[in-house]
Amino acid sequence: MPAKAPDEGISNVQGSKLNYGKKNFPPPDGVENIMDILDCDPNPTKCMVFRTPFERLHYLKGEFDSLYNLINERGGVRELPLEVGTKLNEASHQLAVESTHYSALKAKLGQVDSRCEELLKKLQSLDVQRKDLSCQVVASEDLLQEDELAVIDLKGQIDTLNAIEVIDPTTQANLEKTEAYVKESFEDLKTFQWTP
């Protein structure tokens, strides 16, 4: 059987278009992007598609190099949907774990902030009490100095009174001896006979 004319099968590759001719043959299985086609037999009964990273499409290579590299950096396009789904599930689980951890830390931070506010208020109250006690201490020190001066003055008055009203035993004995001597002398004077 003679081969069919090119215009009846896959006849032309231009940019991103693939002309399948008048018979409208479906694209070969697995062909998703004509940009990946290296060569194709125009005979639809022997259709062979080779994939290549733009090795022979030089006029497109410069435009798609960066995109191709980016796709490879992110794992390429050959991963199975199951693998992608597994990675997505793992990432979702990790996100949920991190979200839970973040929520717990945020709640704990709120508790710490509340406790900090309580302690700050208590500290302010204690500071007010400290200032009040300091004022009371200063006033007490002033009163103490006044009391000390009053005690010193009272001691001086007591010493003065003791010096005036209290006679020590030795002085008292001397006074008694003097008094007895005066009385004896007075009696002698009464019986004294003076002769010129």
Protein backbone atom coordinates (compact mmCIF):
# COMPACT_ATOMS: atom_id res chain seq x y z
CA MET A 1 0.00 0.00 0.00
CA PRO A 2 1.48 3.37 -1.00
CA ALA A 3 2.19 5.87 1.70
CA LYS A 4 -0.33 8.58 2.14
CA ALA A 5 0.47 12.10 1.15
CA PRO A 6 1.80 14.33 3.88
CA ASP A 7 -1.32 16.47 3.80
CA GLU A 8 -3.45 13.47 4.77
CA GLY A 9 -1.62 12.70 8.03
CA ILE A 10 0.65 14.52 10.34
CA SER A 11 2.14 16.88 7.85
CA ASN A 12 3.64 19.91 9.51
CA VAL A 13 5.16 21.16 12.74
CA GLN A 14 5.03 24.95 12.97
CA GLY A 15 5.57 26.70 16.30
CA SER A 16 2.96 25.18 18.60
CA LYS A 17 0.57 23.85 15.89
CA LEU A 18 0.34 20.28 14.62
CA ASN A 19 -1.68 19.77 11.43
CA TYR A 20 -3.20 16.26 11.37
CA GLY A 21 -4.51 16.62 7.79
CA LYS A 22 -7.87 15.94 6.29
CA LYS A 23 -8.48 12.64 8.06
CA ASN A 24 -8.26 14.34 11.48
CA PHE A 25 -6.14 11.69 13.15
CA PRO A 26 -6.01 12.12 16.91
CA PRO A 27 -2.68 13.13 18.39
CA PRO A 28 -0.40 10.29 19.46
CA ASP A 29 -0.91 9.00 23.00
CA GLY A 30 1.14 10.86 25.59
CA VAL A 31 1.73 13.94 23.43
CA GLU A 32 0.81 16.90 25.57
CA ASN A 33 2.86 19.64 24.04
CA ILE A 34 4.09 19.83 20.48
CA MET A 35 7.09 21.76 21.81
CA ASP A 36 8.49 18.43 23.05
CA ILE A 37 8.30 16.65 19.67
CA LEU A 38 11.68 15.91 18.10
CA ASP A 39 10.52 14.00 15.05
CA CYS A 40 7.34 12.37 13.77
CA ASP A 41 6.79 9.92 10.92
CA PRO A 42 4.08 11.36 8.61
CA ASN A 43 2.65 7.86 8.19
CA PRO A 44 -0.15 7.60 10.82
CA THR A 45 0.24 3.83 10.95
CA LYS A 46 3.83 4.21 12.14
CA CYS A 47 3.66 7.28 14.31
CA MET A 48 6.70 7.57 16.60
CA VAL A 49 7.10 10.50 18.91
CA PHE A 50 10.39 11.28 20.62
CA ARG A 51 10.59 13.67 23.54
CA THR A 52 13.56 15.96 23.97
CA PRO A 53 14.32 19.07 25.97
CA PHE A 54 14.28 21.27 22.88
CA GLU A 55 17.51 19.81 21.52
CA ARG A 56 16.58 20.29 17.86
CA LEU A 57 14.09 23.14 18.20
CA HIS A 58 16.79 25.77 18.32
CA TYR A 59 14.46 28.63 17.61
CA LEU A 60 12.55 27.83 20.85
CA LYS A 61 15.46 26.80 23.05
CA GLY A 62 16.36 30.29 24.18
CA GLU A 63 12.81 31.13 25.16
CA PHE A 64 12.15 28.00 27.20
CA ASP A 65 15.52 27.33 28.85
CA SER A 66 14.70 29.30 31.97
CA LEU A 67 11.24 27.74 32.29
CA TYR A 68 12.66 24.26 31.75
CA ASN A 69 15.35 24.81 34.39
CA LEU A 70 12.74 26.12 36.81
CA ILE A 71 10.57 23.05 36.25
CA ASN A 72 13.58 20.77 36.85
CA GLU A 73 14.51 22.67 40.00
CA ARG A 74 11.00 22.08 41.31
CA GLY A 75 11.12 18.36 40.66
CA GLY A 76 10.34 18.17 36.97
CA VAL A 77 7.12 17.12 35.33
CA ARG A 78 7.65 13.35 35.44
CA GLU A 79 6.36 12.86 38.99
CA LEU A 80 3.28 10.71 39.28
CA PRO A 81 0.07 12.35 40.53
CA LEU A 82 0.19 10.01 43.53
CA GLU A 83 3.65 11.26 44.46
CA VAL A 84 2.52 14.85 44.05
CA GLY A 85 -0.58 14.14 46.13
CA THR A 86 1.53 12.48 48.81
CA LYS A 87 3.85 15.46 48.97
CA LEU A 88 0.86 17.78 49.08
CA ASN A 89 -0.64 15.78 51.94
CA GLU A 90 2.67 15.83 53.80
CA ALA A 91 2.97 19.57 53.26
CA SER A 92 -0.63 20.08 54.41
CA HIS A 93 0.00 17.96 57.50
CA GLN A 94 3.18 19.88 58.28
CA LEU A 95 1.29 23.14 57.81
CA ALA A 96 -1.42 21.95 60.19
CA VAL A 97 1.20 20.95 62.77
CA GLU A 98 2.96 24.29 62.47
CA SER A 99 -0.38 26.11 62.69
CA THR A 100 -1.26 24.22 65.86
CA HIS A 101 2.16 24.95 67.31
CA TYR A 102 1.81 28.61 66.36
CA SER A 103 -1.64 28.82 67.97
CA ALA A 104 -0.32 27.21 71.16
CA LEU A 105 2.62 29.60 71.31
CA LYS A 106 0.35 32.56 70.63
CA ALA A 107 -2.00 31.49 73.43
CA LYS A 108 0.95 31.03 75.79
CA LEU A 109 2.27 34.45 74.80
CA GLY A 110 -1.13 35.93 75.63
CA GLN A 111 -1.01 34.31 79.07
CA VAL A 112 2.50 35.63 79.64
CA ASP A 113 1.41 39.13 78.57
CA SER A 114 -1.55 39.00 80.97
CA ARG A 115 0.70 37.82 83.80
CA CYS A 116 3.17 40.56 82.95
CA GLU A 117 0.43 43.19 83.16
CA GLU A 118 -0.70 41.83 86.55
CA LEU A 119 2.86 41.88 87.89
CA LEU A 120 3.38 45.39 86.54
CA LYS A 121 0.26 46.63 88.34
CA LYS A 122 1.39 44.90 91.53
CA LEU A 123 4.84 46.43 91.17
CA GLN A 124 3.30 49.88 90.77
CA SER A 125 1.20 49.32 93.90
CA LEU A 126 4.26 48.17 95.85
CA ASP A 127 6.19 51.20 94.64
CA VAL A 128 3.43 53.48 95.97
CA GLN A 129 3.56 51.63 99.32
CA ARG A 130 7.35 51.96 99.39
CA LYS A 131 7.13 55.72 98.87
CA ASP A 132 4.50 56.00 101.62
CA LEU A 133 6.63 53.95 104.03
CA SER A 134 9.67 56.06 103.18
CA CYS A 135 7.75 59.19 104.13
CA GLN A 136 6.64 57.54 107.38
CA VAL A 137 10.25 56.55 108.17
CA VAL A 138 11.45 60.11 107.63
CA ALA A 139 8.70 61.44 109.90
CA SER A 140 9.56 58.81 112.54
CA GLU A 141 13.23 59.79 112.39
CA ASP A 142 12.29 63.43 113.03
CA LEU A 143 10.10 62.42 115.99
CA LEU A 144 12.89 60.20 117.33
CA GLN A 145 15.36 63.09 117.26
CA GLU A 146 12.87 65.29 119.09
CA ASP A 147 12.32 62.57 121.71
CA GLU A 148 16.08 62.12 122.16
CA LEU A 149 16.47 65.86 122.78
CA ALA A 150 13.59 65.77 125.26
CA VAL A 151 15.21 62.84 127.11
CA ILE A 152 18.53 64.69 127.29
CA ASP A 153 16.77 67.77 128.68
CA LEU A 154 14.93 65.69 131.28
CA LYS A 155 18.18 64.04 132.35
CA GLY A 156 19.71 67.47 132.86
CA GLN A 157 16.77 68.59 134.96
CA ILE A 158 16.95 65.42 137.05
CA ASP A 159 20.67 65.90 137.65
CA THR A 160 20.04 69.49 138.75
CA LEU A 161 17.30 68.45 141.18
CA ASN A 162 19.48 65.68 142.58
CA ALA A 163 22.31 68.15 143.17
CA ILE A 164 19.98 70.49 145.06
CA GLU A 165 17.77 68.19 147.12
CA VAL A 166 19.77 65.05 147.61
CA ILE A 167 22.77 64.92 150.00
CA ASP A 168 25.18 62.09 149.78
CA PRO A 169 25.88 60.05 153.04
CA THR A 170 29.31 61.55 153.69
CA THR A 171 28.00 65.09 153.52
CA GLN A 172 25.08 64.09 155.72
CA ALA A 173 27.48 62.66 158.35
CA ASN A 174 29.61 65.80 158.30
CA LEU A 175 26.53 67.95 158.72
CA GLU A 176 25.42 65.88 161.72
CA LYS A 177 28.86 66.18 163.31
CA THR A 178 28.83 69.91 162.77
CA GLU A 179 25.35 70.19 164.22
CA ALA A 180 26.40 68.20 167.30
CA TYR A 181 29.48 70.36 167.71
CA VAL A 182 27.43 73.52 167.51
CA LYS A 183 24.99 72.24 170.12
CA GLU A 184 27.83 71.27 172.44
CA SER A 185 29.49 74.59 171.99
CA PHE A 186 26.22 76.36 172.69
CA GLU A 187 25.86 74.45 175.98
CA ASP A 188 29.40 75.36 176.91
CA LEU A 189 28.66 78.99 176.22
CA LYS A 190 25.65 78.86 178.48
CA THR A 191 27.77 77.65 181.40
CA PHE A 192 30.76 79.79 180.57
CA GLN A 193 31.87 82.13 183.35
CA TRP A 194 33.89 85.04 182.16
CA THR A 195 36.29 86.75 184.57
CA PRO A 196 38.12 89.90 183.62
